[in-house]
Amino acid sequence: MFLRIIRRCCTIKELQINEEIRDKEVRLIDVDGSQLGIVPIKKALEISEEKRLDLVKIAPTANPPVCRIMDYGKYKYELAKKEKEARKNQKIINVKEIRLTPNIETHDLNVKAKTASKFLESGDKVKVSVRFRGREMGHTEIGREVLNDFAKLTGEFGIIEKPAKLEGRSMVMYLTPRTE
């Protein structure tokens, strides 16, 4: 009693072309998109060779599988070009961090708020954290007030994404750029 396990790749990254196609019959689509019907694989290969193009299996799960006559190199180039264009249009959002202390002076707070405003203007998120040391942990409400003042100073450029929350010895708040 022998068990034979056949493993197949469930996601095909590369399309099968020309002699790689092992089916007996395929539904054939011409270069201009017109259907040529269900034909044997040998005839489909002959037609593609006459036109000096490739036979590409575009729908392997269909019954019978769908093959198209096309220039495979040009097709891959177009796909790569579209993918590159899509990547170019993506906006990468970075998270910048600004650290404060509960007993920060107003001038220092204004300088840090100005820096955060520049980050928000350029489209980045800002993580504002107040670090508590020693006995400062007993007065976390002071840190919350500092973060609220900071949010008011940067209110023109950003809005609060996540309100102030105590995480260990730090109180953290996230700001995102304003969208018009």
C-alpha atoms as a PDB file:
ATOM      1  CA  MET A   1       0.000   0.000   0.000  1.00  0.00           C
ATOM      2  CA  PHE A   2       1.677   3.124  -1.245  1.00  0.00           C
ATOM      3  CA  LEU A   3       0.337   6.624  -0.908  1.00  0.00           C
ATOM      4  CA  ARG A   4       1.238   9.001  -3.644  1.00  0.00           C
ATOM      5  CA  ILE A   5       1.125  12.652  -2.723  1.00  0.00           C
ATOM      6  CA  ILE A   6       0.947  15.093  -5.584  1.00  0.00           C
ATOM      7  CA  ARG A   7       1.827  18.643  -4.693  1.00  0.00           C
ATOM      8  CA  ARG A   8       0.837  21.473  -6.928  1.00  0.00           C
ATOM      9  CA  CYS A   9       1.620  25.094  -6.681  1.00  0.00           C
ATOM     10  CA  CYS A  10      -1.606  26.923  -5.844  1.00  0.00           C
ATOM     11  CA  THR A  11      -0.351  30.335  -6.955  1.00  0.00           C
ATOM     12  CA  ILE A  12       1.429  30.532 -10.282  1.00  0.00           C
ATOM     13  CA  LYS A  13       3.636  33.589 -10.372  1.00  0.00           C
ATOM     14  CA  GLU A  14       4.847  33.121 -13.921  1.00  0.00           C
ATOM     15  CA  LEU A  15       2.325  32.352 -16.629  1.00  0.00           C
ATOM     16  CA  GLN A  16       2.872  29.205 -18.684  1.00  0.00           C
ATOM     17  CA  ILE A  17       3.996  29.919 -22.241  1.00  0.00           C
ATOM     18  CA  ASN A  18       4.405  27.904 -25.462  1.00  0.00           C
ATOM     19  CA  GLU A  19       5.711  24.352 -24.764  1.00  0.00           C
ATOM     20  CA  GLU A  20       5.133  24.658 -21.005  1.00  0.00           C
ATOM     21  CA  ILE A  21       1.383  24.289 -21.602  1.00  0.00           C
ATOM     22  CA  ARG A  22       0.507  20.586 -21.154  1.00  0.00           C
ATOM     23  CA  ASP A  23      -3.267  20.602 -21.769  1.00  0.00           C
ATOM     24  CA  LYS A  24      -4.758  18.697 -24.739  1.00  0.00           C
ATOM     25  CA  GLU A  25      -7.260  21.379 -25.735  1.00  0.00           C
ATOM     26  CA  VAL A  26      -7.403  25.104 -25.041  1.00  0.00           C
ATOM     27  CA  ARG A  27      -9.780  27.981 -25.720  1.00  0.00           C
ATOM     28  CA  LEU A  28      -7.762  30.241 -28.023  1.00  0.00           C
ATOM     29  CA  ILE A  29      -7.926  34.038 -28.144  1.00  0.00           C
ATOM     30  CA  ASP A  30      -6.281  35.896 -31.017  1.00  0.00           C
ATOM     31  CA  VAL A  31      -4.039  38.988 -30.818  1.00  0.00           C
ATOM     32  CA  ASP A  32      -6.968  41.364 -31.448  1.00  0.00           C
ATOM     33  CA  GLY A  33      -9.126  39.709 -28.743  1.00  0.00           C
ATOM     34  CA  SER A  34     -11.364  37.632 -31.028  1.00  0.00           C
ATOM     35  CA  GLN A  35     -12.042  34.024 -29.994  1.00  0.00           C
ATOM     36  CA  LEU A  36     -10.822  31.277 -32.291  1.00  0.00           C
ATOM     37  CA  GLY A  37     -12.688  28.563 -30.339  1.00  0.00           C
ATOM     38  CA  ILE A  38     -11.516  25.379 -28.647  1.00  0.00           C
ATOM     39  CA  VAL A  39      -8.521  23.943 -30.494  1.00  0.00           C
ATOM     40  CA  PRO A  40      -5.899  21.232 -29.828  1.00  0.00           C
ATOM     41  CA  ILE A  41      -2.682  22.528 -28.265  1.00  0.00           C
ATOM     42  CA  LYS A  42      -0.585  21.583 -31.331  1.00  0.00           C
ATOM     43  CA  LYS A  43      -2.753  23.703 -33.616  1.00  0.00           C
ATOM     44  CA  ALA A  44      -2.665  26.603 -31.140  1.00  0.00           C
ATOM     45  CA  LEU A  45       1.144  26.438 -31.065  1.00  0.00           C
ATOM     46  CA  GLU A  46       1.278  26.355 -34.879  1.00  0.00           C
ATOM     47  CA  ILE A  47      -0.951  29.441 -35.137  1.00  0.00           C
ATOM     48  CA  SER A  48       1.200  31.334 -32.621  1.00  0.00           C
ATOM     49  CA  GLU A  49       4.405  30.358 -34.467  1.00  0.00           C
ATOM     50  CA  GLU A  50       2.941  31.547 -37.782  1.00  0.00           C
ATOM     51  CA  LYS A  51       2.301  34.950 -36.229  1.00  0.00           C
ATOM     52  CA  ARG A  52       5.753  34.862 -34.558  1.00  0.00           C
ATOM     53  CA  LEU A  53       4.219  35.439 -31.130  1.00  0.00           C
ATOM     54  CA  ASP A  54       3.870  33.467 -27.891  1.00  0.00           C
ATOM     55  CA  LEU A  55       1.005  31.291 -26.697  1.00  0.00           C
ATOM     56  CA  VAL A  56       0.289  32.326 -23.100  1.00  0.00           C
ATOM     57  CA  LYS A  57      -2.028  30.503 -20.686  1.00  0.00           C
ATOM     58  CA  ILE A  58      -3.983  33.338 -19.048  1.00  0.00           C
ATOM     59  CA  ALA A  59      -6.760  31.394 -17.261  1.00  0.00           C
ATOM     60  CA  PRO A  60      -5.371  28.027 -16.079  1.00  0.00           C
ATOM     61  CA  THR A  61      -8.387  27.187 -13.867  1.00  0.00           C
ATOM     62  CA  ALA A  62     -11.007  27.498 -16.634  1.00  0.00           C
ATOM     63  CA  ASN A  63     -12.341  24.401 -18.360  1.00  0.00           C
ATOM     64  CA  PRO A  64     -10.805  24.205 -20.978  1.00  0.00           C
ATOM     65  CA  PRO A  65      -7.923  26.568 -20.062  1.00  0.00           C
ATOM     66  CA  VAL A  66      -7.831  29.914 -21.878  1.00  0.00           C
ATOM     67  CA  CYS A  67      -4.726  30.755 -23.922  1.00  0.00           C
ATOM     68  CA  ARG A  68      -3.961  33.973 -25.742  1.00  0.00           C
ATOM     69  CA  ILE A  69      -1.590  34.760 -28.587  1.00  0.00           C
ATOM     70  CA  MET A  70       0.575  37.729 -27.580  1.00  0.00           C
ATOM     71  CA  ASP A  71       4.109  39.071 -27.332  1.00  0.00           C
ATOM     72  CA  TYR A  72       5.012  37.806 -23.842  1.00  0.00           C
ATOM     73  CA  GLY A  73       8.088  40.019 -23.445  1.00  0.00           C
ATOM     74  CA  LYS A  74       6.059  43.134 -24.220  1.00  0.00           C
ATOM     75  CA  TYR A  75       3.308  41.960 -21.832  1.00  0.00           C
ATOM     76  CA  LYS A  76       5.781  41.503 -18.944  1.00  0.00           C
ATOM     77  CA  TYR A  77       7.336  44.897 -19.711  1.00  0.00           C
ATOM     78  CA  GLU A  78       3.900  46.590 -19.576  1.00  0.00           C
ATOM     79  CA  LEU A  79       3.104  44.876 -16.251  1.00  0.00           C
ATOM     80  CA  ALA A  80       6.431  45.984 -14.758  1.00  0.00           C
ATOM     81  CA  LYS A  81       5.818  49.523 -16.009  1.00  0.00           C
ATOM     82  CA  LYS A  82       2.333  49.643 -14.413  1.00  0.00           C
ATOM     83  CA  GLU A  83       3.704  48.274 -11.130  1.00  0.00           C
ATOM     84  CA  LYS A  84       6.476  50.877 -11.084  1.00  0.00           C
ATOM     85  CA  GLU A  85       3.959  53.659 -11.772  1.00  0.00           C
ATOM     86  CA  ALA A  86       1.721  52.417  -8.936  1.00  0.00           C
ATOM     87  CA  ARG A  87       4.699  52.417  -6.546  1.00  0.00           C
ATOM     88  CA  LYS A  88       5.632  55.942  -7.599  1.00  0.00           C
ATOM     89  CA  ASN A  89       2.151  57.250  -6.724  1.00  0.00           C
ATOM     90  CA  GLN A  90       2.212  55.777  -3.210  1.00  0.00           C
ATOM     91  CA  LYS A  91       2.727  58.201  -0.342  1.00  0.00           C
ATOM     92  CA  ILE A  92       5.022  56.859   2.353  1.00  0.00           C
ATOM     93  CA  ILE A  93       4.044  58.183   5.777  1.00  0.00           C
ATOM     94  CA  ASN A  94       6.786  58.263   8.367  1.00  0.00           C
ATOM     95  CA  VAL A  95       6.231  58.542  12.113  1.00  0.00           C
ATOM     96  CA  LYS A  96       8.430  61.180  13.734  1.00  0.00           C
ATOM     97  CA  GLU A  97       8.793  61.274  17.513  1.00  0.00           C
ATOM     98  CA  ILE A  98       8.985  64.290  19.781  1.00  0.00           C
ATOM     99  CA  ARG A  99       9.887  63.739  23.441  1.00  0.00           C
ATOM    100  CA  LEU A 100       8.837  66.084  26.208  1.00  0.00           C
ATOM    101  CA  THR A 101       9.124  66.210  29.992  1.00  0.00           C
ATOM    102  CA  PRO A 102       6.339  67.149  32.435  1.00  0.00           C
ATOM    103  CA  ASN A 103       8.211  70.257  33.647  1.00  0.00           C
ATOM    104  CA  ILE A 104       9.023  71.696  30.197  1.00  0.00           C
ATOM    105  CA  GLU A 105       9.201  75.488  29.869  1.00  0.00           C
ATOM    106  CA  THR A 106       6.815  77.326  27.511  1.00  0.00           C
ATOM    107  CA  HIS A 107       9.550  78.473  25.121  1.00  0.00           C
ATOM    108  CA  ASP A 108      10.913  74.919  24.786  1.00  0.00           C
ATOM    109  CA  LEU A 109       7.366  73.640  24.219  1.00  0.00           C
ATOM    110  CA  ASN A 110       6.854  76.253  21.461  1.00  0.00           C
ATOM    111  CA  VAL A 111      10.113  75.244  19.746  1.00  0.00           C
ATOM    112  CA  LYS A 112       9.131  71.540  19.823  1.00  0.00           C
ATOM    113  CA  ALA A 113       5.620  72.422  18.559  1.00  0.00           C
ATOM    114  CA  LYS A 114       7.171  74.356  15.658  1.00  0.00           C
ATOM    115  CA  THR A 115       9.274  71.315  14.754  1.00  0.00           C
ATOM    116  CA  ALA A 116       6.216  69.051  14.942  1.00  0.00           C
ATOM    117  CA  SER A 117       4.295  71.486  12.716  1.00  0.00           C
ATOM    118  CA  LYS A 118       7.018  71.161  10.064  1.00  0.00           C
ATOM    119  CA  PHE A 119       6.715  67.363  10.237  1.00  0.00           C
ATOM    120  CA  LEU A 120       2.924  67.560   9.909  1.00  0.00           C
ATOM    121  CA  GLU A 121       3.178  69.999   6.978  1.00  0.00           C
ATOM    122  CA  SER A 122       5.435  67.559   5.115  1.00  0.00           C
ATOM    123  CA  GLY A 123       2.806  64.813   5.583  1.00  0.00           C
ATOM    124  CA  ASP A 124       4.353  62.765   8.401  1.00  0.00           C
ATOM    125  CA  LYS A 125       2.629  61.517  11.542  1.00  0.00           C
ATOM    126  CA  VAL A 126       4.010  62.705  14.872  1.00  0.00           C
ATOM    127  CA  LYS A 127       4.286  60.641  18.055  1.00  0.00           C
ATOM    128  CA  VAL A 128       4.482  62.959  21.063  1.00  0.00           C
ATOM    129  CA  SER A 129       5.626  61.343  24.299  1.00  0.00           C
ATOM    130  CA  VAL A 130       6.103  62.661  27.817  1.00  0.00           C
ATOM    131  CA  ARG A 131       8.615  60.650  29.835  1.00  0.00           C
ATOM    132  CA  PHE A 132       8.064  60.435  33.606  1.00  0.00           C
ATOM    133  CA  ARG A 133      11.048  59.869  35.894  1.00  0.00           C
ATOM    134  CA  GLY A 134      11.004  58.993  39.575  1.00  0.00           C
ATOM    135  CA  ARG A 135       8.367  60.885  41.572  1.00  0.00           C
ATOM    136  CA  GLU A 136       6.914  62.414  38.401  1.00  0.00           C
ATOM    137  CA  MET A 137       4.908  59.171  38.010  1.00  0.00           C
ATOM    138  CA  GLY A 138       2.651  60.381  40.831  1.00  0.00           C
ATOM    139  CA  HIS A 139       1.645  63.451  38.799  1.00  0.00           C
ATOM    140  CA  THR A 140       0.690  62.106  35.396  1.00  0.00           C
ATOM    141  CA  GLU A 141      -2.035  64.777  35.076  1.00  0.00           C
ATOM    142  CA  ILE A 142       0.739  67.357  34.509  1.00  0.00           C
ATOM    143  CA  GLY A 143       1.982  65.327  31.544  1.00  0.00           C
ATOM    144  CA  ARG A 144      -1.561  65.163  30.142  1.00  0.00           C
ATOM    145  CA  GLU A 145      -1.818  68.973  30.407  1.00  0.00           C
ATOM    146  CA  VAL A 146       1.518  69.334  28.559  1.00  0.00           C
ATOM    147  CA  LEU A 147       0.259  67.070  25.755  1.00  0.00           C
ATOM    148  CA  ASN A 148      -3.038  69.004  25.534  1.00  0.00           C
ATOM    149  CA  ASP A 149      -1.122  72.309  25.286  1.00  0.00           C
ATOM    150  CA  PHE A 150       1.087  70.746  22.603  1.00  0.00           C
ATOM    151  CA  ALA A 151      -2.001  69.633  20.636  1.00  0.00           C
ATOM    152  CA  LYS A 152      -3.403  73.195  20.818  1.00  0.00           C
ATOM    153  CA  LEU A 153      -0.113  74.657  19.537  1.00  0.00           C
ATOM    154  CA  THR A 154      -0.021  72.259  16.563  1.00  0.00           C
ATOM    155  CA  GLY A 155      -3.798  72.329  15.970  1.00  0.00           C
ATOM    156  CA  GLU A 156      -3.438  74.373  12.780  1.00  0.00           C
ATOM    157  CA  PHE A 157      -1.403  71.647  11.040  1.00  0.00           C
ATOM    158  CA  GLY A 158      -2.539  68.385  12.666  1.00  0.00           C
ATOM    159  CA  ILE A 159      -5.310  66.632  14.517  1.00  0.00           C
ATOM    160  CA  ILE A 160      -5.169  64.080  17.318  1.00  0.00           C
ATOM    161  CA  GLU A 161      -5.285  60.544  15.934  1.00  0.00           C
ATOM    162  CA  LYS A 162      -4.885  58.789  19.300  1.00  0.00           C
ATOM    163  CA  PRO A 163      -5.429  60.768  22.509  1.00  0.00           C
ATOM    164  CA  ALA A 164      -2.905  60.772  25.365  1.00  0.00           C
ATOM    165  CA  LYS A 165      -2.494  57.337  26.941  1.00  0.00           C
ATOM    166  CA  LEU A 166      -0.135  56.145  29.664  1.00  0.00           C
ATOM    167  CA  GLU A 167       2.171  53.346  28.487  1.00  0.00           C
ATOM    168  CA  GLY A 168       4.594  52.313  31.205  1.00  0.00           C
ATOM    169  CA  ARG A 169       6.614  55.395  32.209  1.00  0.00           C
ATOM    170  CA  SER A 170       5.567  57.397  29.143  1.00  0.00           C
ATOM    171  CA  MET A 171       2.366  59.101  28.095  1.00  0.00           C
ATOM    172  CA  VAL A 172       1.933  58.933  24.316  1.00  0.00           C
ATOM    173  CA  MET A 173      -0.248  60.837  21.848  1.00  0.00           C
ATOM    174  CA  TYR A 174      -0.327  60.568  18.037  1.00  0.00           C
ATOM    175  CA  LEU A 175      -0.972  63.485  15.667  1.00  0.00           C
ATOM    176  CA  THR A 176      -1.809  63.211  11.953  1.00  0.00           C
ATOM    177  CA  PRO A 177      -1.652  65.915   9.279  1.00  0.00           C
ATOM    178  CA  ARG A 178      -4.844  67.847   8.569  1.00  0.00           C
ATOM    179  CA  THR A 179      -6.450  66.979   5.258  1.00  0.00           C
ATOM    180  CA  GLU A 180      -8.344  69.683   3.425  1.00  0.00           C
END
